[in-house]
Amino acid sequence: GHAAHFANVKMNAPCFSQEFAPTSMAYAETQSMFCDSLLNDADW
């Protein structure tokens, strides 16, 4: 999920697509934790 996030930043400078500040850790982890949350779903 992290990789999908950082591979899909479509801006015009590399500073927008990395895990360091000013990227919020809460923002970055939302992407990864959404993906792993699927593993708890009965239909998954």
PDB file of all heavy atoms in Angstrom:
ATOM      1  N   GLY A   1       0.818  -1.206   0.000  1.00  0.00           N
ATOM      2  CA  GLY A   1       0.000   0.000   0.000  1.00  0.00           C
ATOM      3  C   GLY A   1       0.851   1.254   0.000  1.00  0.00           C
ATOM      4  O   GLY A   1       0.556   2.230  -0.715  1.00  0.00           O
ATOM      5  N   HIS A   2       1.918   1.255   0.803  1.00  0.00           N
ATOM      6  CA  HIS A   2       2.865   2.374   0.759  1.00  0.00           C
ATOM      7  C   HIS A   2       3.422   2.556  -0.656  1.00  0.00           C
ATOM      8  O   HIS A   2       3.497   3.671  -1.174  1.00  0.00           O
ATOM      9  CB  HIS A   2       4.036   2.104   1.710  1.00  0.00           C
ATOM     10  CG  HIS A   2       3.790   2.471   3.129  1.00  0.00           C
ATOM     11  ND1 HIS A   2       3.277   3.680   3.519  1.00  0.00           N
ATOM     12  CD2 HIS A   2       4.019   1.765   4.274  1.00  0.00           C
ATOM     13  CE1 HIS A   2       3.193   3.719   4.847  1.00  0.00           C
ATOM     14  NE2 HIS A   2       3.635   2.571   5.326  1.00  0.00           N
ATOM     15  N   ALA A   3       3.837   1.443  -1.247  1.00  0.00           N
ATOM     16  CA  ALA A   3       4.449   1.510  -2.576  1.00  0.00           C
ATOM     17  C   ALA A   3       3.470   2.064  -3.603  1.00  0.00           C
ATOM     18  O   ALA A   3       3.844   2.865  -4.474  1.00  0.00           O
ATOM     19  CB  ALA A   3       4.938   0.125  -2.992  1.00  0.00           C
ATOM     20  N   ALA A   4       2.199   1.649  -3.524  1.00  0.00           N
ATOM     21  CA  ALA A   4       1.191   2.159  -4.455  1.00  0.00           C
ATOM     22  C   ALA A   4       1.036   3.665  -4.297  1.00  0.00           C
ATOM     23  O   ALA A   4       0.919   4.407  -5.294  1.00  0.00           O
ATOM     24  CB  ALA A   4      -0.142   1.458  -4.207  1.00  0.00           C
ATOM     25  N   HIS A   5       1.040   4.136  -3.075  1.00  0.00           N
ATOM     26  CA  HIS A   5       0.940   5.571  -2.808  1.00  0.00           C
ATOM     27  C   HIS A   5       2.111   6.315  -3.456  1.00  0.00           C
ATOM     28  O   HIS A   5       1.915   7.228  -4.267  1.00  0.00           O
ATOM     29  CB  HIS A   5       0.918   5.782  -1.286  1.00  0.00           C
ATOM     30  CG  HIS A   5       1.134   7.194  -0.848  1.00  0.00           C
ATOM     31  ND1 HIS A   5       1.574   7.508   0.421  1.00  0.00           N
ATOM     32  CD2 HIS A   5       1.005   8.373  -1.488  1.00  0.00           C
ATOM     33  CE1 HIS A   5       1.679   8.816   0.538  1.00  0.00           C
ATOM     34  NE2 HIS A   5       1.347   9.370  -0.608  1.00  0.00           N
ATOM     35  N   PHE A   6       3.332   5.911  -3.101  1.00  0.00           N
ATOM     36  CA  PHE A   6       4.497   6.677  -3.550  1.00  0.00           C
ATOM     37  C   PHE A   6       4.814   6.485  -5.033  1.00  0.00           C
ATOM     38  O   PHE A   6       5.586   7.255  -5.606  1.00  0.00           O
ATOM     39  CB  PHE A   6       5.709   6.338  -2.678  1.00  0.00           C
ATOM     40  CG  PHE A   6       5.578   6.848  -1.268  1.00  0.00           C
ATOM     41  CD1 PHE A   6       5.587   5.965  -0.196  1.00  0.00           C
ATOM     42  CD2 PHE A   6       5.413   8.190  -1.009  1.00  0.00           C
ATOM     43  CE1 PHE A   6       5.446   6.436   1.114  1.00  0.00           C
ATOM     44  CE2 PHE A   6       5.270   8.663   0.284  1.00  0.00           C
ATOM     45  CZ  PHE A   6       5.288   7.786   1.350  1.00  0.00           C
ATOM     46  N   ALA A   7       4.224   5.472  -5.644  1.00  0.00           N
ATOM     47  CA  ALA A   7       4.399   5.288  -7.090  1.00  0.00           C
ATOM     48  C   ALA A   7       3.396   6.103  -7.894  1.00  0.00           C
ATOM     49  O   ALA A   7       3.530   6.216  -9.111  1.00  0.00           O
ATOM     50  CB  ALA A   7       4.259   3.807  -7.454  1.00  0.00           C
ATOM     51  N   ASN A   8       2.412   6.688  -7.227  1.00  0.00           N
ATOM     52  CA  ASN A   8       1.311   7.354  -7.929  1.00  0.00           C
ATOM     53  C   ASN A   8       1.188   8.834  -7.612  1.00  0.00           C
ATOM     54  O   ASN A   8       0.136   9.425  -7.852  1.00  0.00           O
ATOM     55  CB  ASN A   8      -0.005   6.649  -7.612  1.00  0.00           C
ATOM     56  CG  ASN A   8      -0.192   5.395  -8.446  1.00  0.00           C
ATOM     57  OD1 ASN A   8      -0.385   5.466  -9.647  1.00  0.00           O
ATOM     58  ND2 ASN A   8      -0.104   4.233  -7.795  1.00  0.00           N
ATOM     59  N   VAL A   9       2.238   9.434  -7.084  1.00  0.00           N
ATOM     60  CA  VAL A   9       2.220  10.880  -6.885  1.00  0.00           C
ATOM     61  C   VAL A   9       2.545  11.529  -8.228  1.00  0.00           C
ATOM     62  O   VAL A   9       3.613  11.297  -8.790  1.00  0.00           O
ATOM     63  CB  VAL A   9       3.214  11.310  -5.797  1.00  0.00           C
ATOM     64  CG1 VAL A   9       3.223  12.828  -5.653  1.00  0.00           C
ATOM     65  CG2 VAL A   9       2.847  10.655  -4.456  1.00  0.00           C
ATOM     66  N   LYS A  10       1.620  12.323  -8.744  1.00  0.00           N
ATOM     67  CA  LYS A  10       1.723  12.834 -10.118  1.00  0.00           C
ATOM     68  C   LYS A  10       2.014  14.338 -10.126  1.00  0.00           C
ATOM     69  O   LYS A  10       1.399  15.113 -10.859  1.00  0.00           O
ATOM     70  CB  LYS A  10       0.425  12.533 -10.877  1.00  0.00           C
ATOM     71  CG  LYS A  10       0.061  11.040 -10.946  1.00  0.00           C
ATOM     72  CD  LYS A  10       1.045  10.249 -11.781  1.00  0.00           C
ATOM     73  CE  LYS A  10       0.761   8.746 -11.802  1.00  0.00           C
ATOM     74  NZ  LYS A  10      -0.369   8.360 -12.627  1.00  0.00           N
ATOM     75  N   MET A  11       2.994  14.748  -9.315  1.00  0.00           N
ATOM     76  CA  MET A  11       3.380  16.152  -9.230  1.00  0.00           C
ATOM     77  C   MET A  11       4.655  16.390 -10.050  1.00  0.00           C
ATOM     78  O   MET A  11       5.160  15.489 -10.710  1.00  0.00           O
ATOM     79  CB  MET A  11       3.560  16.546  -7.770  1.00  0.00           C
ATOM     80  CG  MET A  11       2.311  16.356  -6.916  1.00  0.00           C
ATOM     81  SD  MET A  11       0.909  17.364  -7.439  1.00  0.00           S
ATOM     82  CE  MET A  11       1.480  18.986  -6.916  1.00  0.00           C
ATOM     83  N   ASN A  12       5.194  17.621  -9.973  1.00  0.00           N
ATOM     84  CA  ASN A  12       6.316  17.977 -10.846  1.00  0.00           C
ATOM     85  C   ASN A  12       7.634  18.169 -10.099  1.00  0.00           C
ATOM     86  O   ASN A  12       8.531  18.863 -10.582  1.00  0.00           O
ATOM     87  CB  ASN A  12       5.979  19.240 -11.650  1.00  0.00           C
ATOM     88  CG  ASN A  12       5.837  20.472 -10.768  1.00  0.00           C
ATOM     89  OD1 ASN A  12       5.603  20.356  -9.564  1.00  0.00           O
ATOM     90  ND2 ASN A  12       5.964  21.646 -11.356  1.00  0.00           N
ATOM     91  N   ALA A  13       7.737  17.555  -8.911  1.00  0.00           N
ATOM     92  CA  ALA A  13       9.000  17.584  -8.173  1.00  0.00           C
ATOM     93  C   ALA A  13       9.042  16.370  -7.251  1.00  0.00           C
ATOM     94  O   ALA A  13       8.006  15.958  -6.718  1.00  0.00           O
ATOM     95  CB  ALA A  13       9.137  18.872  -7.354  1.00  0.00           C
ATOM     96  N   PRO A  14      10.224  15.784  -7.049  1.00  0.00           N
ATOM     97  CA  PRO A  14      10.316  14.575  -6.213  1.00  0.00           C
ATOM     98  C   PRO A  14      10.009  14.820  -4.746  1.00  0.00           C
ATOM     99  O   PRO A  14       9.736  13.868  -4.013  1.00  0.00           O
ATOM    100  CB  PRO A  14      11.765  14.119  -6.409  1.00  0.00           C
ATOM    101  CG  PRO A  14      12.501  15.314  -6.898  1.00  0.00           C
ATOM    102  CD  PRO A  14      11.518  16.125  -7.676  1.00  0.00           C
ATOM    103  N   CYS A  15      10.008  16.077  -4.301  1.00  0.00           N
ATOM    104  CA  CYS A  15       9.739  16.354  -2.889  1.00  0.00           C
ATOM    105  C   CYS A  15       8.315  15.994  -2.485  1.00  0.00           C
ATOM    106  O   CYS A  15       8.029  15.793  -1.301  1.00  0.00           O
ATOM    107  CB  CYS A  15      10.000  17.828  -2.583  1.00  0.00           C
ATOM    108  SG  CYS A  15       8.990  18.982  -3.540  1.00  0.00           S
ATOM    109  N   PHE A  16       7.401  15.877  -3.457  1.00  0.00           N
ATOM    110  CA  PHE A  16       6.017  15.561  -3.136  1.00  0.00           C
ATOM    111  C   PHE A  16       5.807  14.065  -2.878  1.00  0.00           C
ATOM    112  O   PHE A  16       4.791  13.673  -2.328  1.00  0.00           O
ATOM    113  CB  PHE A  16       5.089  15.984  -4.275  1.00  0.00           C
ATOM    114  CG  PHE A  16       5.008  17.473  -4.491  1.00  0.00           C
ATOM    115  CD1 PHE A  16       5.637  18.065  -5.583  1.00  0.00           C
ATOM    116  CD2 PHE A  16       4.308  18.278  -3.615  1.00  0.00           C
ATOM    117  CE1 PHE A  16       5.550  19.434  -5.795  1.00  0.00           C
ATOM    118  CE2 PHE A  16       4.225  19.651  -3.811  1.00  0.00           C
ATOM    119  CZ  PHE A  16       4.861  20.234  -4.911  1.00  0.00           C
ATOM    120  N   SER A  17       6.761  13.230  -3.306  1.00  0.00           N
ATOM    121  CA  SER A  17       6.562  11.773  -3.279  1.00  0.00           C
ATOM    122  C   SER A  17       7.646  11.082  -2.481  1.00  0.00           C
ATOM    123  O   SER A  17       8.461  10.338  -3.025  1.00  0.00           O
ATOM    124  CB  SER A  17       6.546  11.220  -4.714  1.00  0.00           C
ATOM    125  OG  SER A  17       6.385   9.817  -4.705  1.00  0.00           O
ATOM    126  N   GLN A  18       7.693  11.345  -1.190  1.00  0.00           N
ATOM    127  CA  GLN A  18       8.621  10.630  -0.322  1.00  0.00           C
ATOM    128  C   GLN A  18       8.050  10.610   1.083  1.00  0.00           C
ATOM    129  O   GLN A  18       7.135  11.369   1.395  1.00  0.00           O
ATOM    130  CB  GLN A  18      10.028  11.236  -0.371  1.00  0.00           C
ATOM    131  CG  GLN A  18      10.112  12.748  -0.485  1.00  0.00           C
ATOM    132  CD  GLN A  18       9.804  13.482   0.794  1.00  0.00           C
ATOM    133  OE1 GLN A  18      10.175  13.023   1.868  1.00  0.00           O
ATOM    134  NE2 GLN A  18       9.121  14.592   0.716  1.00  0.00           N
ATOM    135  N   GLU A  19       8.581   9.695   1.897  1.00  0.00           N
ATOM    136  CA  GLU A  19       7.961   9.431   3.197  1.00  0.00           C
ATOM    137  C   GLU A  19       8.431  10.372   4.289  1.00  0.00           C
ATOM    138  O   GLU A  19       8.027  10.245   5.441  1.00  0.00           O
ATOM    139  CB  GLU A  19       8.241   7.975   3.619  1.00  0.00           C
ATOM    140  CG  GLU A  19       9.696   7.643   3.846  1.00  0.00           C
ATOM    141  CD  GLU A  19      10.403   7.146   2.593  1.00  0.00           C
ATOM    142  OE1 GLU A  19      10.004   7.525   1.475  1.00  0.00           O
ATOM    143  OE2 GLU A  19      11.387   6.389   2.739  1.00  0.00           O
ATOM    144  N   PHE A  20       9.285  11.329   3.956  1.00  0.00           N
ATOM    145  CA  PHE A  20       9.838  12.237   4.950  1.00  0.00           C
ATOM    146  C   PHE A  20       9.022  13.528   5.003  1.00  0.00           C
ATOM    147  O   PHE A  20       8.276  13.861   4.079  1.00  0.00           O
ATOM    148  CB  PHE A  20      11.298  12.538   4.627  1.00  0.00           C
ATOM    149  CG  PHE A  20      12.099  11.309   4.286  1.00  0.00           C
ATOM    150  CD1 PHE A  20      12.482  11.046   2.978  1.00  0.00           C
ATOM    151  CD2 PHE A  20      12.434  10.389   5.261  1.00  0.00           C
ATOM    152  CE1 PHE A  20      13.199   9.898   2.654  1.00  0.00           C
ATOM    153  CE2 PHE A  20      13.144   9.239   4.948  1.00  0.00           C
ATOM    154  CZ  PHE A  20      13.525   9.002   3.643  1.00  0.00           C
ATOM    155  N   ALA A  21       9.189  14.296   6.091  1.00  0.00           N
ATOM    156  CA  ALA A  21       8.500  15.579   6.207  1.00  0.00           C
ATOM    157  C   ALA A  21       8.784  16.434   4.963  1.00  0.00           C
ATOM    158  O   ALA A  21       9.887  16.378   4.419  1.00  0.00           O
ATOM    159  CB  ALA A  21       8.990  16.300   7.471  1.00  0.00           C
ATOM    160  N   PRO A  22       7.756  17.167   4.505  1.00  0.00           N
ATOM    161  CA  PRO A  22       6.491  17.480   5.170  1.00  0.00           C
ATOM    162  C   PRO A  22       5.378  16.442   4.975  1.00  0.00           C
ATOM    163  O   PRO A  22       4.220  16.736   5.268  1.00  0.00           O
ATOM    164  CB  PRO A  22       6.085  18.802   4.509  1.00  0.00           C
ATOM    165  CG  PRO A  22       6.623  18.701   3.124  1.00  0.00           C
ATOM    166  CD  PRO A  22       7.923  17.959   3.256  1.00  0.00           C
ATOM    167  N   THR A  23       5.714  15.246   4.472  1.00  0.00           N
ATOM    168  CA  THR A  23       4.714  14.186   4.408  1.00  0.00           C
ATOM    169  C   THR A  23       4.354  13.754   5.829  1.00  0.00           C
ATOM    170  O   THR A  23       5.220  13.323   6.588  1.00  0.00           O
ATOM    171  CB  THR A  23       5.253  12.975   3.623  1.00  0.00           C
ATOM    172  OG1 THR A  23       5.571  13.382   2.296  1.00  0.00           O
ATOM    173  CG2 THR A  23       4.221  11.865   3.566  1.00  0.00           C
ATOM    174  N   SER A  24       3.102  13.869   6.178  1.00  0.00           N
ATOM    175  CA  SER A  24       2.634  13.435   7.491  1.00  0.00           C
ATOM    176  C   SER A  24       2.694  11.922   7.581  1.00  0.00           C
ATOM    177  O   SER A  24       2.278  11.218   6.660  1.00  0.00           O
ATOM    178  CB  SER A  24       1.191  13.920   7.691  1.00  0.00           C
ATOM    179  OG  SER A  24       0.485  13.102   8.576  1.00  0.00           O
ATOM    180  N   MET A  25       3.209  11.405   8.700  1.00  0.00           N
ATOM    181  CA  MET A  25       3.234   9.962   8.881  1.00  0.00           C
ATOM    182  C   MET A  25       1.814   9.408   8.923  1.00  0.00           C
ATOM    183  O   MET A  25       1.539   8.333   8.390  1.00  0.00           O
ATOM    184  CB  MET A  25       3.982   9.589  10.152  1.00  0.00           C
ATOM    185  CG  MET A  25       4.073   8.078  10.369  1.00  0.00           C
ATOM    186  SD  MET A  25       5.089   7.641  11.794  1.00  0.00           S
ATOM    187  CE  MET A  25       4.825   5.868  11.858  1.00  0.00           C
ATOM    188  N   ALA A  26       0.904  10.152   9.546  1.00  0.00           N
ATOM    189  CA  ALA A  26      -0.491   9.698   9.599  1.00  0.00           C
ATOM    190  C   ALA A  26      -1.069   9.577   8.194  1.00  0.00           C
ATOM    191  O   ALA A  26      -1.785   8.621   7.880  1.00  0.00           O
ATOM    192  CB  ALA A  26      -1.319  10.661  10.434  1.00  0.00           C
ATOM    193  N   TYR A  27      -0.746  10.533   7.332  1.00  0.00           N
ATOM    194  CA  TYR A  27      -1.198  10.489   5.941  1.00  0.00           C
ATOM    195  C   TYR A  27      -0.600   9.295   5.219  1.00  0.00           C
ATOM    196  O   TYR A  27      -1.312   8.526   4.553  1.00  0.00           O
ATOM    197  CB  TYR A  27      -0.811  11.796   5.247  1.00  0.00           C
ATOM    198  CG  TYR A  27      -0.769  11.742   3.738  1.00  0.00           C
ATOM    199  CD1 TYR A  27      -1.922  11.453   2.997  1.00  0.00           C
ATOM    200  CD2 TYR A  27       0.409  11.999   3.046  1.00  0.00           C
ATOM    201  CE1 TYR A  27      -1.879  11.414   1.604  1.00  0.00           C
ATOM    202  CE2 TYR A  27       0.452  11.964   1.663  1.00  0.00           C
ATOM    203  CZ  TYR A  27      -0.686  11.670   0.949  1.00  0.00           C
ATOM    204  OH  TYR A  27      -0.652  11.617  -0.421  1.00  0.00           O
ATOM    205  N   ALA A  28       0.707   9.095   5.360  1.00  0.00           N
ATOM    206  CA  ALA A  28       1.375   7.988   4.674  1.00  0.00           C
ATOM    207  C   ALA A  28       0.840   6.643   5.153  1.00  0.00           C
ATOM    208  O   ALA A  28       0.578   5.733   4.354  1.00  0.00           O
ATOM    209  CB  ALA A  28       2.889   8.071   4.887  1.00  0.00           C
ATOM    210  N   GLU A  29       0.657   6.499   6.464  1.00  0.00           N
ATOM    211  CA  GLU A  29       0.207   5.219   7.007  1.00  0.00           C
ATOM    212  C   GLU A  29      -1.265   4.938   6.703  1.00  0.00           C
ATOM    213  O   GLU A  29      -1.685   3.780   6.712  1.00  0.00           O
ATOM    214  CB  GLU A  29       0.458   5.161   8.515  1.00  0.00           C
ATOM    215  CG  GLU A  29       1.925   5.174   8.914  1.00  0.00           C
ATOM    216  CD  GLU A  29       2.705   3.989   8.349  1.00  0.00           C
ATOM    217  OE1 GLU A  29       2.094   2.924   8.123  1.00  0.00           O
ATOM    218  OE2 GLU A  29       3.917   4.142   8.139  1.00  0.00           O
ATOM    219  N   THR A  30      -2.049   5.958   6.435  1.00  0.00           N
ATOM    220  CA  THR A  30      -3.445   5.731   6.049  1.00  0.00           C
ATOM    221  C   THR A  30      -3.520   4.870   4.799  1.00  0.00           C
ATOM    222  O   THR A  30      -4.370   3.974   4.678  1.00  0.00           O
ATOM    223  CB  THR A  30      -4.163   7.075   5.807  1.00  0.00           C
ATOM    224  OG1 THR A  30      -4.223   7.806   7.037  1.00  0.00           O
ATOM    225  CG2 THR A  30      -5.583   6.870   5.284  1.00  0.00           C
ATOM    226  N   GLN A  31      -2.599   5.100   3.861  1.00  0.00           N
ATOM    227  CA  GLN A  31      -2.623   4.365   2.599  1.00  0.00           C
ATOM    228  C   GLN A  31      -2.306   2.884   2.827  1.00  0.00           C
ATOM    229  O   GLN A  31      -2.978   1.996   2.292  1.00  0.00           O
ATOM    230  CB  GLN A  31      -1.615   4.969   1.612  1.00  0.00           C
ATOM    231  CG  GLN A  31      -1.504   6.482   1.626  1.00  0.00           C
ATOM    232  CD  GLN A  31      -2.837   7.208   1.596  1.00  0.00           C
ATOM    233  OE1 GLN A  31      -3.753   6.828   0.868  1.00  0.00           O
ATOM    234  NE2 GLN A  31      -2.969   8.250   2.406  1.00  0.00           N
ATOM    235  N   SER A  32      -1.286   2.615   3.617  1.00  0.00           N
ATOM    236  CA  SER A  32      -0.861   1.232   3.850  1.00  0.00           C
ATOM    237  C   SER A  32      -1.839   0.492   4.751  1.00  0.00           C
ATOM    238  O   SER A  32      -2.159  -0.679   4.520  1.00  0.00           O
ATOM    239  CB  SER A  32       0.537   1.209   4.465  1.00  0.00           C
ATOM    240  OG  SER A  32       0.578   2.007   5.634  1.00  0.00           O
ATOM    241  N   MET A  33      -2.334   1.169   5.772  1.00  0.00           N
ATOM    242  CA  MET A  33      -3.209   0.508   6.730  1.00  0.00           C
ATOM    243  C   MET A  33      -4.608   0.271   6.146  1.00  0.00           C
ATOM    244  O   MET A  33      -5.298  -0.667   6.544  1.00  0.00           O
ATOM    245  CB  MET A  33      -3.279   1.311   8.029  1.00  0.00           C
ATOM    246  CG  MET A  33      -1.939   1.374   8.748  1.00  0.00           C
ATOM    247  SD  MET A  33      -1.937   2.366  10.255  1.00  0.00           S
ATOM    248  CE  MET A  33      -2.439   1.150  11.468  1.00  0.00           C
ATOM    249  N   PHE A  34      -5.016   1.099   5.191  1.00  0.00           N
ATOM    250  CA  PHE A  34      -6.264   0.796   4.497  1.00  0.00           C
ATOM    251  C   PHE A  34      -6.125  -0.532   3.757  1.00  0.00           C
ATOM    252  O   PHE A  34      -7.026  -1.379   3.800  1.00  0.00           O
ATOM    253  CB  PHE A  34      -6.637   1.905   3.507  1.00  0.00           C
ATOM    254  CG  PHE A  34      -7.837   1.554   2.675  1.00  0.00           C
ATOM    255  CD1 PHE A  34      -9.114   1.742   3.172  1.00  0.00           C
ATOM    256  CD2 PHE A  34      -7.687   0.994   1.415  1.00  0.00           C
ATOM    257  CE1 PHE A  34     -10.234   1.380   2.419  1.00  0.00           C
ATOM    258  CE2 PHE A  34      -8.802   0.635   0.655  1.00  0.00           C
ATOM    259  CZ  PHE A  34     -10.072   0.830   1.158  1.00  0.00           C
ATOM    260  N   CYS A  35      -4.995  -0.725   3.081  1.00  0.00           N
ATOM    261  CA  CYS A  35      -4.808  -1.955   2.304  1.00  0.00           C
ATOM    262  C   CYS A  35      -4.739  -3.182   3.205  1.00  0.00           C
ATOM    263  O   CYS A  35      -5.346  -4.219   2.890  1.00  0.00           O
ATOM    264  CB  CYS A  35      -3.545  -1.831   1.443  1.00  0.00           C
ATOM    265  SG  CYS A  35      -3.675  -0.604   0.121  1.00  0.00           S
ATOM    266  N   ASP A  36      -4.015  -3.104   4.315  1.00  0.00           N
ATOM    267  CA  ASP A  36      -3.934  -4.305   5.162  1.00  0.00           C
ATOM    268  C   ASP A  36      -5.225  -4.532   5.956  1.00  0.00           C
ATOM    269  O   ASP A  36      -5.477  -5.645   6.430  1.00  0.00           O
ATOM    270  CB  ASP A  36      -2.693  -4.300   6.062  1.00  0.00           C
ATOM    271  CG  ASP A  36      -2.720  -3.292   7.204  1.00  0.00           C
ATOM    272  OD1 ASP A  36      -3.727  -3.201   7.911  1.00  0.00           O
ATOM    273  OD2 ASP A  36      -1.699  -2.593   7.418  1.00  0.00           O
ATOM    274  N   SER A  37      -6.077  -3.510   6.079  1.00  0.00           N
ATOM    275  CA  SER A  37      -7.353  -3.703   6.781  1.00  0.00           C
ATOM    276  C   SER A  37      -8.264  -4.672   6.038  1.00  0.00           C
ATOM    277  O   SER A  37      -9.136  -5.310   6.646  1.00  0.00           O
ATOM    278  CB  SER A  37      -8.076  -2.362   6.963  1.00  0.00           C
ATOM    279  OG  SER A  37      -8.694  -1.918   5.755  1.00  0.00           O
ATOM    280  N   LEU A  38      -8.071  -4.819   4.732  1.00  0.00           N
ATOM    281  CA  LEU A  38      -8.913  -5.709   3.936  1.00  0.00           C
ATOM    282  C   LEU A  38      -8.790  -7.163   4.385  1.00  0.00           C
ATOM    283  O   LEU A  38      -9.719  -7.961   4.219  1.00  0.00           O
ATOM    284  CB  LEU A  38      -8.533  -5.600   2.455  1.00  0.00           C
ATOM    285  CG  LEU A  38      -8.683  -4.220   1.815  1.00  0.00           C
ATOM    286  CD1 LEU A  38      -8.090  -4.225   0.421  1.00  0.00           C
ATOM    287  CD2 LEU A  38     -10.140  -3.791   1.778  1.00  0.00           C
ATOM    288  N   LEU A  39      -7.635  -7.514   4.952  1.00  0.00           N
ATOM    289  CA  LEU A  39      -7.392  -8.898   5.342  1.00  0.00           C
ATOM    290  C   LEU A  39      -8.284  -9.350   6.499  1.00  0.00           C
ATOM    291  O   LEU A  39      -8.384 -10.546   6.768  1.00  0.00           O
ATOM    292  CB  LEU A  39      -5.922  -9.090   5.735  1.00  0.00           C
ATOM    293  CG  LEU A  39      -4.889  -8.767   4.652  1.00  0.00           C
ATOM    294  CD1 LEU A  39      -3.484  -8.903   5.200  1.00  0.00           C
ATOM    295  CD2 LEU A  39      -5.065  -9.662   3.444  1.00  0.00           C
ATOM    296  N   ASN A  40      -8.919  -8.414   7.169  1.00  0.00           N
ATOM    297  CA  ASN A  40      -9.827  -8.755   8.267  1.00  0.00           C
ATOM    298  C   ASN A  40     -11.271  -8.897   7.808  1.00  0.00           C
ATOM    299  O   ASN A  40     -12.140  -9.247   8.607  1.00  0.00           O
ATOM    300  CB  ASN A  40      -9.751  -7.672   9.354  1.00  0.00           C
ATOM    301  CG  ASN A  40      -8.376  -7.587   9.975  1.00  0.00           C
ATOM    302  OD1 ASN A  40      -7.795  -8.600  10.332  1.00  0.00           O
ATOM    303  ND2 ASN A  40      -7.836  -6.384  10.076  1.00  0.00           N
ATOM    304  N   ASP A  41     -11.526  -8.615   6.540  1.00  0.00           N
ATOM    305  CA  ASP A  41     -12.892  -8.670   6.033  1.00  0.00           C
ATOM    306  C   ASP A  41     -13.259 -10.094   5.637  1.00  0.00           C
ATOM    307  O   ASP A  41     -12.501 -10.786   4.947  1.00  0.00           O
ATOM    308  CB  ASP A  41     -13.053  -7.749   4.824  1.00  0.00           C
ATOM    309  CG  ASP A  41     -12.994  -6.280   5.200  1.00  0.00           C
ATOM    310  OD1 ASP A  41     -13.314  -5.967   6.355  1.00  0.00           O
ATOM    311  OD2 ASP A  41     -12.632  -5.450   4.343  1.00  0.00           O
ATOM    312  N   ALA A  42     -14.452 -10.521   6.041  1.00  0.00           N
ATOM    313  CA  ALA A  42     -14.877 -11.901   5.783  1.00  0.00           C
ATOM    314  C   ALA A  42     -14.957 -12.205   4.296  1.00  0.00           C
ATOM    315  O   ALA A  42     -14.649 -13.320   3.874  1.00  0.00           O
ATOM    316  CB  ALA A  42     -16.226 -12.158   6.446  1.00  0.00           C
ATOM    317  N   ASP A  43     -15.370 -11.212   3.479  1.00  0.00           N
ATOM    318  CA  ASP A  43     -15.456 -11.496   2.043  1.00  0.00           C
ATOM    319  C   ASP A  43     -14.075 -11.634   1.423  1.00  0.00           C
ATOM    320  O   ASP A  43     -13.881 -12.399   0.478  1.00  0.00           O
ATOM    321  CB  ASP A  43     -16.309 -10.458   1.303  1.00  0.00           C
ATOM    322  CG  ASP A  43     -15.917  -9.026   1.601  1.00  0.00           C
ATOM    323  OD1 ASP A  43     -15.148  -8.786   2.551  1.00  0.00           O
ATOM    324  OD2 ASP A  43     -16.404  -8.125   0.885  1.00  0.00           O
ATOM    325  N   TRP A  44     -13.071 -10.921   1.984  1.00  0.00           N
ATOM    326  CA  TRP A  44     -11.693 -11.141   1.504  1.00  0.00           C
ATOM    327  C   TRP A  44     -11.242 -12.547   1.890  1.00  0.00           C
ATOM    328  O   TRP A  44     -10.673 -13.276   1.077  1.00  0.00           O
ATOM    329  CB  TRP A  44     -10.735 -10.095   2.074  1.00  0.00           C
ATOM    330  CG  TRP A  44      -9.375 -10.172   1.423  1.00  0.00           C
ATOM    331  CD1 TRP A  44      -8.934  -9.456   0.349  1.00  0.00           C
ATOM    332  CD2 TRP A  44      -8.283 -11.054   1.777  1.00  0.00           C
ATOM    333  NE1 TRP A  44      -7.651  -9.836   0.006  1.00  0.00           N
ATOM    334  CE2 TRP A  44      -7.228 -10.807   0.862  1.00  0.00           C
ATOM    335  CE3 TRP A  44      -8.105 -12.020   2.755  1.00  0.00           C
ATOM    336  CZ2 TRP A  44      -6.017 -11.498   0.927  1.00  0.00           C
ATOM    337  CZ3 TRP A  44      -6.898 -12.717   2.808  1.00  0.00           C
ATOM    338  CH2 TRP A  44      -5.871 -12.451   1.906  1.00  0.00           C
TER     339      TRP A  44
END
